[in-house]
Amino acid sequence: MRISVIIPAHNASKTIIATLRSVFSQSLLADEVIVVDDGSTDDLEKTLAPFGDRITAIKTPRCGAAAARNAGASIAGGEALFFSDADLELYPTLFSKLSQALEENPDTAFAYSSFIWLGKVFKARPFSATELKINNYISTMSLIRRSAFPGFDESLPRFQDWDLWLTLTERGAKGVAVPEVLFRVLEAGTMSRRGGLSRILATRRIRKKHNLPWRFSDLWLALKESFRSGKL
């Protein structure tokens, strides 16, 4: 199974070197690594220069992570796509474990794992289309069969990954969980600082798009994010 890694990067010079080193330290190496410079202003091109032709670097005007991922996917040649953020450390067996899961489960469209964010382990729960309608529990950092990938919705300000999994399940696709921690987030990023109102509005858009009912847990999760970020 040929694997294409796609990394959207906006002003990621501080973290992307560690991410790329972890990509090139895999027990099963990817067939290509594509970095999409999403309108960076921090001299990212110079940061990437030492990797030479080991990566394919393309530059776009500032368009957001979803559009940058789609841009990378449009030139990728792999049978499976792995979308990595630019602030991750991938554990050495990530590609081998996820690709093995897909090969052993030919009826699945994507494979996902447990991960660490803000020092907390987020365990990969068994795939359930019903649970996905309640709340997202699958990270963007999953290995997706190219033939099943519908593209990210570039109009959504948040939760493009949740939208992707819902779209796939509506088409009859399913995923497979690998219950091991296979990556960790190096920085908290902007998501943890956006605030509860942003979460409520984004959740509402997702539920409306997929004809899902509003849930009390949506408000609870928004309040938790507000307390964490200090914003309402």
C-alpha atoms as a PDB file:
ATOM      1  CA  MET A   1       0.000   0.000   0.000  1.00  0.00           C
ATOM      2  CA  ARG A   2       1.555   3.271  -1.164  1.00  0.00           C
ATOM      3  CA  ILE A   3       1.213   5.998   1.477  1.00  0.00           C
ATOM      4  CA  SER A   4       1.173   9.742   0.846  1.00  0.00           C
ATOM      5  CA  VAL A   5       1.711  12.040   3.823  1.00  0.00           C
ATOM      6  CA  ILE A   6       0.196  15.518   3.514  1.00  0.00           C
ATOM      7  CA  ILE A   7       1.177  18.236   5.980  1.00  0.00           C
ATOM      8  CA  PRO A   8      -0.569  21.634   5.892  1.00  0.00           C
ATOM      9  CA  ALA A   9       1.722  24.215   7.456  1.00  0.00           C
ATOM     10  CA  HIS A  10       1.057  27.825   8.390  1.00  0.00           C
ATOM     11  CA  ASN A  11       3.911  29.551  10.262  1.00  0.00           C
ATOM     12  CA  ALA A  12       5.004  26.156  11.568  1.00  0.00           C
ATOM     13  CA  SER A  13       8.778  26.585  11.482  1.00  0.00           C
ATOM     14  CA  LYS A  14       9.087  25.921  15.230  1.00  0.00           C
ATOM     15  CA  THR A  15       7.508  22.470  15.115  1.00  0.00           C
ATOM     16  CA  ILE A  16       7.584  21.066  11.586  1.00  0.00           C
ATOM     17  CA  ILE A  17      11.186  19.871  11.760  1.00  0.00           C
ATOM     18  CA  ALA A  18      10.309  17.531  14.639  1.00  0.00           C
ATOM     19  CA  THR A  19       7.235  16.382  12.734  1.00  0.00           C
ATOM     20  CA  LEU A  20       9.193  15.630   9.564  1.00  0.00           C
ATOM     21  CA  ARG A  21      11.920  13.819  11.491  1.00  0.00           C
ATOM     22  CA  SER A  22       9.265  11.575  13.009  1.00  0.00           C
ATOM     23  CA  VAL A  23       7.786  10.967   9.524  1.00  0.00           C
ATOM     24  CA  PHE A  24      11.201   9.881   8.237  1.00  0.00           C
ATOM     25  CA  SER A  25      11.847   7.695  11.310  1.00  0.00           C
ATOM     26  CA  GLN A  26       8.967   5.321  10.630  1.00  0.00           C
ATOM     27  CA  SER A  27       9.524   1.568  10.517  1.00  0.00           C
ATOM     28  CA  LEU A  28       7.448   1.666   7.316  1.00  0.00           C
ATOM     29  CA  LEU A  29       8.399   4.732   5.301  1.00  0.00           C
ATOM     30  CA  ALA A  30       5.821   6.717   3.365  1.00  0.00           C
ATOM     31  CA  ASP A  31       6.190   6.798  -0.406  1.00  0.00           C
ATOM     32  CA  GLU A  32       5.889  10.568  -0.570  1.00  0.00           C
ATOM     33  CA  VAL A  33       5.682  13.511   1.806  1.00  0.00           C
ATOM     34  CA  ILE A  34       3.893  16.665   0.671  1.00  0.00           C
ATOM     35  CA  VAL A  35       4.134  19.890   2.674  1.00  0.00           C
ATOM     36  CA  VAL A  36       1.595  22.559   1.779  1.00  0.00           C
ATOM     37  CA  ASP A  37       2.830  25.997   2.833  1.00  0.00           C
ATOM     38  CA  ASP A  38      -0.464  27.711   3.626  1.00  0.00           C
ATOM     39  CA  GLY A  39       0.559  31.342   3.179  1.00  0.00           C
ATOM     40  CA  SER A  40       3.289  31.299   5.841  1.00  0.00           C
ATOM     41  CA  THR A  41       5.168  34.463   6.768  1.00  0.00           C
ATOM     42  CA  ASP A  42       7.831  32.858   8.984  1.00  0.00           C
ATOM     43  CA  ASP A  43      10.306  31.790   6.265  1.00  0.00           C
ATOM     44  CA  LEU A  44       9.016  28.225   6.258  1.00  0.00           C
ATOM     45  CA  GLU A  45      10.658  27.616   2.889  1.00  0.00           C
ATOM     46  CA  LYS A  46      14.089  28.078   4.465  1.00  0.00           C
ATOM     47  CA  THR A  47      13.157  25.725   7.314  1.00  0.00           C
ATOM     48  CA  LEU A  48      12.201  23.009   4.827  1.00  0.00           C
ATOM     49  CA  ALA A  49      15.290  23.424   2.627  1.00  0.00           C
ATOM     50  CA  PRO A  50      17.480  20.853   4.470  1.00  0.00           C
ATOM     51  CA  PHE A  51      14.982  18.091   3.615  1.00  0.00           C
ATOM     52  CA  GLY A  52      15.653  18.642  -0.077  1.00  0.00           C
ATOM     53  CA  ASP A  53      13.897  16.275  -2.459  1.00  0.00           C
ATOM     54  CA  ARG A  54      12.729  14.060   0.388  1.00  0.00           C
ATOM     55  CA  ILE A  55       9.633  16.241   0.442  1.00  0.00           C
ATOM     56  CA  THR A  56       7.430  17.884  -2.164  1.00  0.00           C
ATOM     57  CA  ALA A  57       6.725  21.443  -1.061  1.00  0.00           C
ATOM     58  CA  ILE A  58       3.965  23.541  -2.586  1.00  0.00           C
ATOM     59  CA  LYS A  59       2.882  27.030  -1.586  1.00  0.00           C
ATOM     60  CA  THR A  60      -0.644  28.418  -1.594  1.00  0.00           C
ATOM     61  CA  PRO A  61      -2.142  31.749  -0.567  1.00  0.00           C
ATOM     62  CA  ARG A  62      -3.533  31.622   2.975  1.00  0.00           C
ATOM     63  CA  CYS A  63      -6.582  29.385   2.581  1.00  0.00           C
ATOM     64  CA  GLY A  64      -6.897  27.367   5.809  1.00  0.00           C
ATOM     65  CA  ALA A  65      -5.998  23.813   6.757  1.00  0.00           C
ATOM     66  CA  ALA A  66      -8.910  22.131   4.958  1.00  0.00           C
ATOM     67  CA  ALA A  67      -8.080  23.734   1.608  1.00  0.00           C
ATOM     68  CA  ALA A  68      -4.363  23.080   2.132  1.00  0.00           C
ATOM     69  CA  ARG A  69      -5.072  19.400   2.786  1.00  0.00           C
ATOM     70  CA  ASN A  70      -7.179  19.203  -0.348  1.00  0.00           C
ATOM     71  CA  ALA A  71      -4.418  20.874  -2.349  1.00  0.00           C
ATOM     72  CA  GLY A  72      -1.950  18.267  -1.146  1.00  0.00           C
ATOM     73  CA  ALA A  73      -4.358  15.422  -1.835  1.00  0.00           C
ATOM     74  CA  SER A  74      -4.895  16.663  -5.394  1.00  0.00           C
ATOM     75  CA  ILE A  75      -1.261  15.896  -6.288  1.00  0.00           C
ATOM     76  CA  ALA A  76      -0.766  12.842  -4.067  1.00  0.00           C
ATOM     77  CA  GLY A  77      -0.144   9.513  -5.754  1.00  0.00           C
ATOM     78  CA  GLY A  78      -0.600   7.126  -2.842  1.00  0.00           C
ATOM     79  CA  GLU A  79      -3.316   4.536  -2.375  1.00  0.00           C
ATOM     80  CA  ALA A  80      -3.708   5.820   1.187  1.00  0.00           C
ATOM     81  CA  LEU A  81      -3.538   9.367   2.526  1.00  0.00           C
ATOM     82  CA  PHE A  82      -2.288  10.435   5.942  1.00  0.00           C
ATOM     83  CA  PHE A  83      -2.994  14.048   6.905  1.00  0.00           C
ATOM     84  CA  SER A  84      -0.515  15.145   9.551  1.00  0.00           C
ATOM     85  CA  ASP A  85      -0.620  18.462  11.340  1.00  0.00           C
ATOM     86  CA  ALA A  86       2.715  20.300  11.473  1.00  0.00           C
ATOM     87  CA  ASP A  87       3.022  20.080  15.267  1.00  0.00           C
ATOM     88  CA  LEU A  88       3.004  16.321  15.848  1.00  0.00           C
ATOM     89  CA  GLU A  89       5.431  13.612  16.806  1.00  0.00           C
ATOM     90  CA  LEU A  90       4.503  10.398  15.015  1.00  0.00           C
ATOM     91  CA  TYR A  91       5.552   7.241  16.821  1.00  0.00           C
ATOM     92  CA  PRO A  92       7.758   4.909  14.728  1.00  0.00           C
ATOM     93  CA  THR A  93       5.111   2.245  14.078  1.00  0.00           C
ATOM     94  CA  LEU A  94       2.260   4.562  13.075  1.00  0.00           C
ATOM     95  CA  PHE A  95       2.289   3.860   9.326  1.00  0.00           C
ATOM     96  CA  SER A  96       2.893   0.135   9.750  1.00  0.00           C
ATOM     97  CA  LYS A  97       0.114  -0.289  12.318  1.00  0.00           C
ATOM     98  CA  LEU A  98      -2.476   1.770  10.449  1.00  0.00           C
ATOM     99  CA  SER A  99      -1.721   0.248   7.048  1.00  0.00           C
ATOM    100  CA  GLN A 100      -1.830  -3.239   8.568  1.00  0.00           C
ATOM    101  CA  ALA A 101      -5.264  -2.445  10.024  1.00  0.00           C
ATOM    102  CA  LEU A 102      -6.544  -1.446   6.576  1.00  0.00           C
ATOM    103  CA  GLU A 103      -5.056  -4.493   4.911  1.00  0.00           C
ATOM    104  CA  GLU A 104      -6.563  -6.833   7.483  1.00  0.00           C
ATOM    105  CA  ASN A 105      -9.939  -5.082   7.183  1.00  0.00           C
ATOM    106  CA  PRO A 106     -10.492  -4.581   3.436  1.00  0.00           C
ATOM    107  CA  ASP A 107     -14.078  -3.425   4.029  1.00  0.00           C
ATOM    108  CA  THR A 108     -12.910  -0.318   5.930  1.00  0.00           C
ATOM    109  CA  ALA A 109     -12.150   3.127   4.484  1.00  0.00           C
ATOM    110  CA  PHE A 110      -9.870   4.490   7.196  1.00  0.00           C
ATOM    111  CA  ALA A 111      -7.833   3.472  10.237  1.00  0.00           C
ATOM    112  CA  TYR A 112      -7.262   5.601  13.338  1.00  0.00           C
ATOM    113  CA  SER A 113      -5.408   5.331  16.648  1.00  0.00           C
ATOM    114  CA  SER A 114      -5.149   6.614  20.178  1.00  0.00           C
ATOM    115  CA  PHE A 115      -3.078   9.782  20.673  1.00  0.00           C
ATOM    116  CA  ILE A 116      -1.846  12.245  23.303  1.00  0.00           C
ATOM    117  CA  TRP A 117      -2.969  15.881  23.423  1.00  0.00           C
ATOM    118  CA  LEU A 118      -2.321  18.318  26.286  1.00  0.00           C
ATOM    119  CA  GLY A 119      -0.816  15.440  28.250  1.00  0.00           C
ATOM    120  CA  LYS A 120      -4.011  13.379  28.056  1.00  0.00           C
ATOM    121  CA  VAL A 121      -4.433  10.070  26.261  1.00  0.00           C
ATOM    122  CA  PHE A 122      -7.398  10.016  23.892  1.00  0.00           C
ATOM    123  CA  LYS A 123      -8.178   6.349  23.425  1.00  0.00           C
ATOM    124  CA  ALA A 124      -9.302   5.034  20.063  1.00  0.00           C
ATOM    125  CA  ARG A 125     -12.801   3.691  20.592  1.00  0.00           C
ATOM    126  CA  PRO A 126     -14.238   0.972  18.332  1.00  0.00           C
ATOM    127  CA  PHE A 127     -15.834   2.398  15.224  1.00  0.00           C
ATOM    128  CA  SER A 128     -19.518   3.278  15.571  1.00  0.00           C
ATOM    129  CA  ALA A 129     -21.492   5.390  13.088  1.00  0.00           C
ATOM    130  CA  THR A 130     -24.065   5.967  15.820  1.00  0.00           C
ATOM    131  CA  GLU A 131     -21.471   7.346  18.238  1.00  0.00           C
ATOM    132  CA  LEU A 132     -20.088   9.644  15.536  1.00  0.00           C
ATOM    133  CA  LYS A 133     -23.484  11.313  15.263  1.00  0.00           C
ATOM    134  CA  ILE A 134     -23.236  12.216  18.949  1.00  0.00           C
ATOM    135  CA  ASN A 135     -19.689  13.568  18.955  1.00  0.00           C
ATOM    136  CA  ASN A 136     -16.446  13.166  17.061  1.00  0.00           C
ATOM    137  CA  TYR A 137     -13.931  10.751  18.564  1.00  0.00           C
ATOM    138  CA  ILE A 138     -11.653  10.213  15.530  1.00  0.00           C
ATOM    139  CA  SER A 139      -8.641  12.405  14.804  1.00  0.00           C
ATOM    140  CA  THR A 140      -7.810  13.949  11.445  1.00  0.00           C
ATOM    141  CA  MET A 141      -4.563  11.995  11.725  1.00  0.00           C
ATOM    142  CA  SER A 142      -5.984   8.795  10.280  1.00  0.00           C
ATOM    143  CA  LEU A 143      -4.948   6.706   7.281  1.00  0.00           C
ATOM    144  CA  ILE A 144      -7.628   7.028   4.586  1.00  0.00           C
ATOM    145  CA  ARG A 145      -7.997   5.012   1.413  1.00  0.00           C
ATOM    146  CA  ARG A 146      -7.601   7.386  -1.518  1.00  0.00           C
ATOM    147  CA  SER A 147     -10.543   5.754  -3.292  1.00  0.00           C
ATOM    148  CA  ALA A 148     -12.864   6.689  -0.390  1.00  0.00           C
ATOM    149  CA  PHE A 149     -11.612  10.228   0.302  1.00  0.00           C
ATOM    150  CA  PRO A 150     -14.327  12.809  -0.533  1.00  0.00           C
ATOM    151  CA  GLY A 151     -12.244  15.879   0.286  1.00  0.00           C
ATOM    152  CA  PHE A 152     -12.539  18.245   3.247  1.00  0.00           C
ATOM    153  CA  ASP A 153     -15.342  20.814   3.303  1.00  0.00           C
ATOM    154  CA  GLU A 154     -13.417  24.068   2.960  1.00  0.00           C
ATOM    155  CA  SER A 155     -16.393  26.186   4.038  1.00  0.00           C
ATOM    156  CA  LEU A 156     -16.343  24.877   7.617  1.00  0.00           C
ATOM    157  CA  PRO A 157     -14.358  26.931  10.162  1.00  0.00           C
ATOM    158  CA  ARG A 158     -13.934  23.972  12.537  1.00  0.00           C
ATOM    159  CA  PHE A 159     -14.541  20.240  12.836  1.00  0.00           C
ATOM    160  CA  GLN A 160     -13.712  19.459   9.205  1.00  0.00           C
ATOM    161  CA  ASP A 161     -12.537  16.047  10.410  1.00  0.00           C
ATOM    162  CA  TRP A 162     -15.874  15.279  12.075  1.00  0.00           C
ATOM    163  CA  ASP A 163     -17.638  16.346   8.895  1.00  0.00           C
ATOM    164  CA  LEU A 164     -15.368  14.052   6.875  1.00  0.00           C
ATOM    165  CA  TRP A 165     -16.148  10.987   9.001  1.00  0.00           C
ATOM    166  CA  LEU A 166     -19.886  11.740   8.938  1.00  0.00           C
ATOM    167  CA  THR A 167     -19.802  12.129   5.158  1.00  0.00           C
ATOM    168  CA  LEU A 168     -17.993   8.817   4.774  1.00  0.00           C
ATOM    169  CA  THR A 169     -20.378   6.944   7.071  1.00  0.00           C
ATOM    170  CA  GLU A 170     -23.365   8.398   5.210  1.00  0.00           C
ATOM    171  CA  ARG A 171     -21.882   6.781   2.118  1.00  0.00           C
ATOM    172  CA  GLY A 172     -21.708   3.437   3.888  1.00  0.00           C
ATOM    173  CA  ALA A 173     -17.999   3.565   4.754  1.00  0.00           C
ATOM    174  CA  LYS A 174     -16.581   2.565   8.122  1.00  0.00           C
ATOM    175  CA  GLY A 175     -13.318   2.802  10.004  1.00  0.00           C
ATOM    176  CA  VAL A 176     -11.162   0.545  12.130  1.00  0.00           C
ATOM    177  CA  ALA A 177      -9.520   1.501  15.419  1.00  0.00           C
ATOM    178  CA  VAL A 178      -5.954   0.703  16.439  1.00  0.00           C
ATOM    179  CA  PRO A 179      -6.081   0.930  20.259  1.00  0.00           C
ATOM    180  CA  GLU A 180      -2.505   2.159  20.682  1.00  0.00           C
ATOM    181  CA  VAL A 181      -1.031   5.634  21.114  1.00  0.00           C
ATOM    182  CA  LEU A 182       0.676   6.294  17.777  1.00  0.00           C
ATOM    183  CA  PHE A 183       1.265  10.057  17.911  1.00  0.00           C
ATOM    184  CA  ARG A 184       1.287  13.037  20.223  1.00  0.00           C
ATOM    185  CA  VAL A 185       0.578  16.728  19.697  1.00  0.00           C
ATOM    186  CA  LEU A 186       3.622  18.874  20.463  1.00  0.00           C
ATOM    187  CA  GLU A 187       1.723  22.132  20.986  1.00  0.00           C
ATOM    188  CA  ALA A 188      -1.805  22.981  22.088  1.00  0.00           C
ATOM    189  CA  GLY A 189      -2.441  25.006  18.920  1.00  0.00           C
ATOM    190  CA  THR A 190      -5.267  27.479  18.390  1.00  0.00           C
ATOM    191  CA  MET A 191      -8.173  25.094  18.878  1.00  0.00           C
ATOM    192  CA  SER A 192      -7.876  25.085  22.649  1.00  0.00           C
ATOM    193  CA  ARG A 193      -7.998  28.905  22.675  1.00  0.00           C
ATOM    194  CA  ARG A 194     -10.997  29.576  20.448  1.00  0.00           C
ATOM    195  CA  GLY A 195     -13.671  29.516  23.093  1.00  0.00           C
ATOM    196  CA  GLY A 196     -17.078  28.019  23.616  1.00  0.00           C
ATOM    197  CA  LEU A 197     -19.089  30.278  21.296  1.00  0.00           C
ATOM    198  CA  SER A 198     -16.903  29.245  18.374  1.00  0.00           C
ATOM    199  CA  ARG A 199     -17.518  25.611  19.264  1.00  0.00           C
ATOM    200  CA  ILE A 200     -21.295  26.054  19.545  1.00  0.00           C
ATOM    201  CA  LEU A 201     -21.551  27.770  16.162  1.00  0.00           C
ATOM    202  CA  ALA A 202     -19.328  25.202  14.463  1.00  0.00           C
ATOM    203  CA  THR A 203     -21.211  22.285  16.035  1.00  0.00           C
ATOM    204  CA  ARG A 204     -24.504  23.769  14.909  1.00  0.00           C
ATOM    205  CA  ARG A 205     -23.268  23.952  11.317  1.00  0.00           C
ATOM    206  CA  ILE A 206     -22.171  20.318  11.364  1.00  0.00           C
ATOM    207  CA  ARG A 207     -25.457  19.114  12.858  1.00  0.00           C
ATOM    208  CA  LYS A 208     -27.481  21.135  10.353  1.00  0.00           C
ATOM    209  CA  LYS A 209     -25.466  19.859   7.393  1.00  0.00           C
ATOM    210  CA  HIS A 210     -25.914  16.233   8.434  1.00  0.00           C
ATOM    211  CA  ASN A 211     -29.481  16.581   9.765  1.00  0.00           C
ATOM    212  CA  LEU A 212     -28.480  15.698  13.308  1.00  0.00           C
ATOM    213  CA  PRO A 213     -30.346  16.892  16.414  1.00  0.00           C
ATOM    214  CA  TRP A 214     -28.827  19.337  18.894  1.00  0.00           C
ATOM    215  CA  ARG A 215     -27.663  17.649  22.098  1.00  0.00           C
ATOM    216  CA  PHE A 216     -27.181  18.874  25.659  1.00  0.00           C
ATOM    217  CA  SER A 217     -23.619  17.517  25.505  1.00  0.00           C
ATOM    218  CA  ASP A 218     -22.851  20.123  22.802  1.00  0.00           C
ATOM    219  CA  LEU A 219     -23.413  22.884  25.350  1.00  0.00           C
ATOM    220  CA  TRP A 220     -21.453  21.057  28.029  1.00  0.00           C
ATOM    221  CA  LEU A 221     -18.432  20.599  25.746  1.00  0.00           C
ATOM    222  CA  ALA A 222     -18.609  24.266  24.749  1.00  0.00           C
ATOM    223  CA  LEU A 223     -18.590  25.319  28.412  1.00  0.00           C
ATOM    224  CA  LYS A 224     -15.570  23.121  29.083  1.00  0.00           C
ATOM    225  CA  GLU A 225     -13.741  24.705  26.181  1.00  0.00           C
ATOM    226  CA  SER A 226     -14.679  28.160  27.473  1.00  0.00           C
ATOM    227  CA  PHE A 227     -13.184  27.442  30.890  1.00  0.00           C
ATOM    228  CA  ARG A 228     -10.033  26.019  29.315  1.00  0.00           C
ATOM    229  CA  SER A 229      -9.537  28.946  26.944  1.00  0.00           C
ATOM    230  CA  GLY A 230     -10.842  31.717  29.204  1.00  0.00           C
ATOM    231  CA  LYS A 231     -13.293  32.745  26.491  1.00  0.00           C
ATOM    232  CA  LEU A 232     -17.055  32.469  26.196  1.00  0.00           C
END
